[in-house]
C-alpha atoms as a PDB file:
ATOM      1  CA  UNK A   1     146.262 193.736 312.786  1.00  0.00           C
ATOM      2  CA  UNK A   2     145.818 197.313 311.465  1.00  0.00           C
ATOM      3  CA  UNK A   3     149.264 198.429 312.370  1.00  0.00           C
ATOM      4  CA  UNK A   4     150.421 195.507 310.247  1.00  0.00           C
ATOM      5  CA  UNK A   5     148.225 196.519 307.489  1.00  0.00           C
ATOM      6  CA  UNK A   6     149.659 200.140 307.564  1.00  0.00           C
ATOM      7  CA  UNK A   7     152.991 198.891 307.662  1.00  0.00           C
ATOM      8  CA  UNK A   8     152.514 196.572 304.595  1.00  0.00           C
ATOM      9  CA  UNK A   9     150.795 199.470 302.785  1.00  0.00           C
ATOM     10  CA  UNK A  10     153.587 202.014 303.475  1.00  0.00           C
ATOM     11  CA  UNK A  11     154.318 202.529 299.598  1.00  0.00           C
ATOM     12  CA  UNK A  12     150.680 203.070 298.660  1.00  0.00           C
ATOM     13  CA  UNK A  13     150.266 205.575 301.679  1.00  0.00           C
ATOM     14  CA  UNK A  14     153.580 207.123 300.617  1.00  0.00           C
ATOM     15  CA  UNK A  15     152.270 207.731 297.104  1.00  0.00           C
ATOM     16  CA  UNK A  16     149.198 209.057 298.232  1.00  0.00           C
ATOM     17  CA  UNK A  17     151.053 211.624 300.391  1.00  0.00           C
ATOM     18  CA  UNK A  18     153.344 212.468 297.485  1.00  0.00           C
ATOM     19  CA  UNK A  19     150.321 213.222 295.273  1.00  0.00           C
ATOM     20  CA  UNK A  20     148.949 215.460 297.681  1.00  0.00           C
ATOM     21  CA  UNK A  21     147.007 213.696 300.446  1.00  0.00           C
ATOM     22  CA  UNK A  22     147.120 215.569 303.891  1.00  0.00           C
ATOM     23  CA  UNK A  23     147.781 214.114 307.182  1.00  0.00           C
ATOM     24  CA  UNK A  24     144.262 214.431 308.110  1.00  0.00           C
ATOM     25  CA  UNK A  25     143.120 212.569 305.220  1.00  0.00           C
ATOM     26  CA  UNK A  26     145.526 209.851 305.870  1.00  0.00           C
ATOM     27  CA  UNK A  27     144.268 209.584 309.603  1.00  0.00           C
ATOM     28  CA  UNK A  28     140.670 209.625 308.327  1.00  0.00           C
ATOM     29  CA  UNK A  29     141.414 206.627 305.727  1.00  0.00           C
ATOM     30  CA  UNK A  30     143.139 204.430 308.531  1.00  0.00           C
ATOM     31  CA  UNK A  31     140.571 205.325 311.318  1.00  0.00           C
ATOM     32  CA  UNK A  32     137.801 204.669 308.660  1.00  0.00           C
ATOM     33  CA  UNK A  33     139.232 201.286 307.897  1.00  0.00           C
ATOM     34  CA  UNK A  34     139.338 200.422 311.572  1.00  0.00           C
ATOM     35  CA  UNK A  35     135.830 201.656 312.244  1.00  0.00           C
ATOM     36  CA  UNK A  36     134.376 199.769 309.230  1.00  0.00           C
ATOM     37  CA  UNK A  37     135.606 196.514 310.608  1.00  0.00           C
ATOM     38  CA  UNK A  38     134.405 197.201 313.990  1.00  0.00           C
ATOM     39  CA  UNK A  39     131.030 198.333 312.537  1.00  0.00           C
ATOM     40  CA  UNK A  40     130.631 194.994 310.836  1.00  0.00           C
ATOM     41  CA  UNK A  41     131.878 193.262 313.989  1.00  0.00           C
ATOM     42  CA  UNK A  42     129.333 195.152 316.195  1.00  0.00           C
ATOM     43  CA  UNK A  43     126.388 194.493 313.776  1.00  0.00           C
ATOM     44  CA  UNK A  44     127.314 190.695 313.702  1.00  0.00           C
ATOM     45  CA  UNK A  45     128.003 190.322 317.236  1.00  0.00           C
ATOM     46  CA  UNK A  46     124.848 191.941 318.376  1.00  0.00           C
ATOM     47  CA  UNK A  47     122.808 189.901 316.065  1.00  0.00           C
ATOM     48  CA  UNK A  48     124.252 186.765 317.426  1.00  0.00           C
ATOM     49  CA  UNK A  49     123.963 187.932 321.023  1.00  0.00           C
ATOM     50  CA  UNK A  50     120.369 188.860 320.346  1.00  0.00           C
ATOM     51  CA  UNK A  51     119.743 185.499 318.849  1.00  0.00           C
ATOM     52  CA  UNK A  52     121.413 183.587 321.781  1.00  0.00           C
ATOM     53  CA  UNK A  53     119.511 185.426 324.622  1.00  0.00           C
ATOM     54  CA  UNK A  54     117.497 182.196 325.261  1.00  0.00           C
ATOM     55  CA  UNK A  55     120.472 180.119 325.900  1.00  0.00           C
ATOM     56  CA  UNK A  56     122.308 182.847 328.026  1.00  0.00           C
ATOM     57  CA  UNK A  57     119.174 183.619 330.022  1.00  0.00           C
ATOM     58  CA  UNK A  58     120.342 181.272 332.942  1.00  0.00           C
ATOM     59  CA  UNK A  59     123.693 182.567 332.805  1.00  0.00           C
ATOM     60  CA  UNK A  60     122.969 186.239 333.469  1.00  0.00           C
ATOM     61  CA  UNK A  61     122.310 187.479 337.041  1.00  0.00           C
ATOM     62  CA  UNK A  62     120.673 190.984 337.549  1.00  0.00           C
ATOM     63  CA  UNK A  63     120.402 191.876 333.823  1.00  0.00           C
ATOM     64  CA  UNK A  64     117.612 190.848 331.512  1.00  0.00           C
ATOM     65  CA  UNK A  65     118.617 189.069 328.210  1.00  0.00           C
ATOM     66  CA  UNK A  66     117.570 192.003 326.030  1.00  0.00           C
ATOM     67  CA  UNK A  67     118.871 195.049 328.259  1.00  0.00           C
ATOM     68  CA  UNK A  68     119.286 197.837 325.883  1.00  0.00           C
ATOM     69  CA  UNK A  69     121.736 199.804 328.035  1.00  0.00           C
ATOM     70  CA  UNK A  70     124.048 196.804 328.255  1.00  0.00           C
ATOM     71  CA  UNK A  71     124.074 196.369 324.324  1.00  0.00           C
ATOM     72  CA  UNK A  72     124.572 200.031 324.161  1.00  0.00           C
ATOM     73  CA  UNK A  73     127.389 200.082 326.622  1.00  0.00           C
ATOM     74  CA  UNK A  74     129.035 197.154 324.661  1.00  0.00           C
ATOM     75  CA  UNK A  75     128.799 199.092 321.571  1.00  0.00           C
ATOM     76  CA  UNK A  76     130.372 202.200 322.951  1.00  0.00           C
ATOM     77  CA  UNK A  77     133.128 200.296 324.737  1.00  0.00           C
ATOM     78  CA  UNK A  78     134.166 198.522 321.462  1.00  0.00           C
ATOM     79  CA  UNK A  79     134.033 201.807 319.349  1.00  0.00           C
ATOM     80  CA  UNK A  80     135.983 203.534 322.058  1.00  0.00           C
ATOM     81  CA  UNK A  81     138.617 200.849 322.101  1.00  0.00           C
ATOM     82  CA  UNK A  82     138.961 200.657 318.266  1.00  0.00           C
ATOM     83  CA  UNK A  83     139.496 204.379 318.251  1.00  0.00           C
ATOM     84  CA  UNK A  84     142.476 204.096 320.787  1.00  0.00           C
ATOM     85  CA  UNK A  85     143.801 200.900 318.920  1.00  0.00           C
ATOM     86  CA  UNK A  86     143.660 202.685 315.586  1.00  0.00           C
ATOM     87  CA  UNK A  87     145.255 206.210 316.727  1.00  0.00           C
ATOM     88  CA  UNK A  88     148.803 204.955 316.552  1.00  0.00           C
ATOM     89  CA  UNK A  89     148.909 203.218 313.071  1.00  0.00           C
ATOM     90  CA  UNK A  90     146.689 206.379 311.947  1.00  0.00           C
ATOM     91  CA  UNK A  91     149.348 208.641 313.257  1.00  0.00           C
ATOM     92  CA  UNK A  92     152.139 206.793 311.857  1.00  0.00           C
ATOM     93  CA  UNK A  93     150.440 206.893 308.316  1.00  0.00           C
ATOM     94  CA  UNK A  94     149.790 210.841 308.631  1.00  0.00           C
ATOM     95  CA  UNK A  95     153.434 211.362 309.349  1.00  0.00           C
ATOM     96  CA  UNK A  96     154.973 209.002 306.821  1.00  0.00           C
ATOM     97  CA  UNK A  97     157.734 210.694 304.773  1.00  0.00           C
ATOM     98  CA  UNK A  98     156.730 209.749 301.172  1.00  0.00           C
ATOM     99  CA  UNK A  99     160.421 209.580 300.001  1.00  0.00           C
ATOM    100  CA  UNK A 100     161.176 206.888 302.396  1.00  0.00           C
ATOM    101  CA  UNK A 101     158.172 205.056 301.920  1.00  0.00           C
ATOM    102  CA  UNK A 102     158.774 204.951 298.217  1.00  0.00           C
ATOM    103  CA  UNK A 103     162.356 203.929 298.356  1.00  0.00           C
ATOM    104  CA  UNK A 104     161.620 201.135 300.930  1.00  0.00           C
ATOM    105  CA  UNK A 105     161.187 197.673 299.379  1.00  0.00           C
END
């Protein structure tokens, strides 16, 4: 989804690069957007998982419903997955040629 958003915003990103944005700032912009969405999803998902512990108690085996290590492991895995998934669109945005991006319609 982020890759599609980057391809749709190529003119905006090309204009930013033409006005002096560096490749590192473009990577930070795209990675920041991805991590912001992930952060919102993690907060909402953790709250819903914590709220549904009573319902899930019978389905879990060998793990307590409020195991902090399990919650932390899920957050770390989702964050690392997001970084890996956002790297390619961020790299593409960082190496965007502003002339091609601004000329493209």
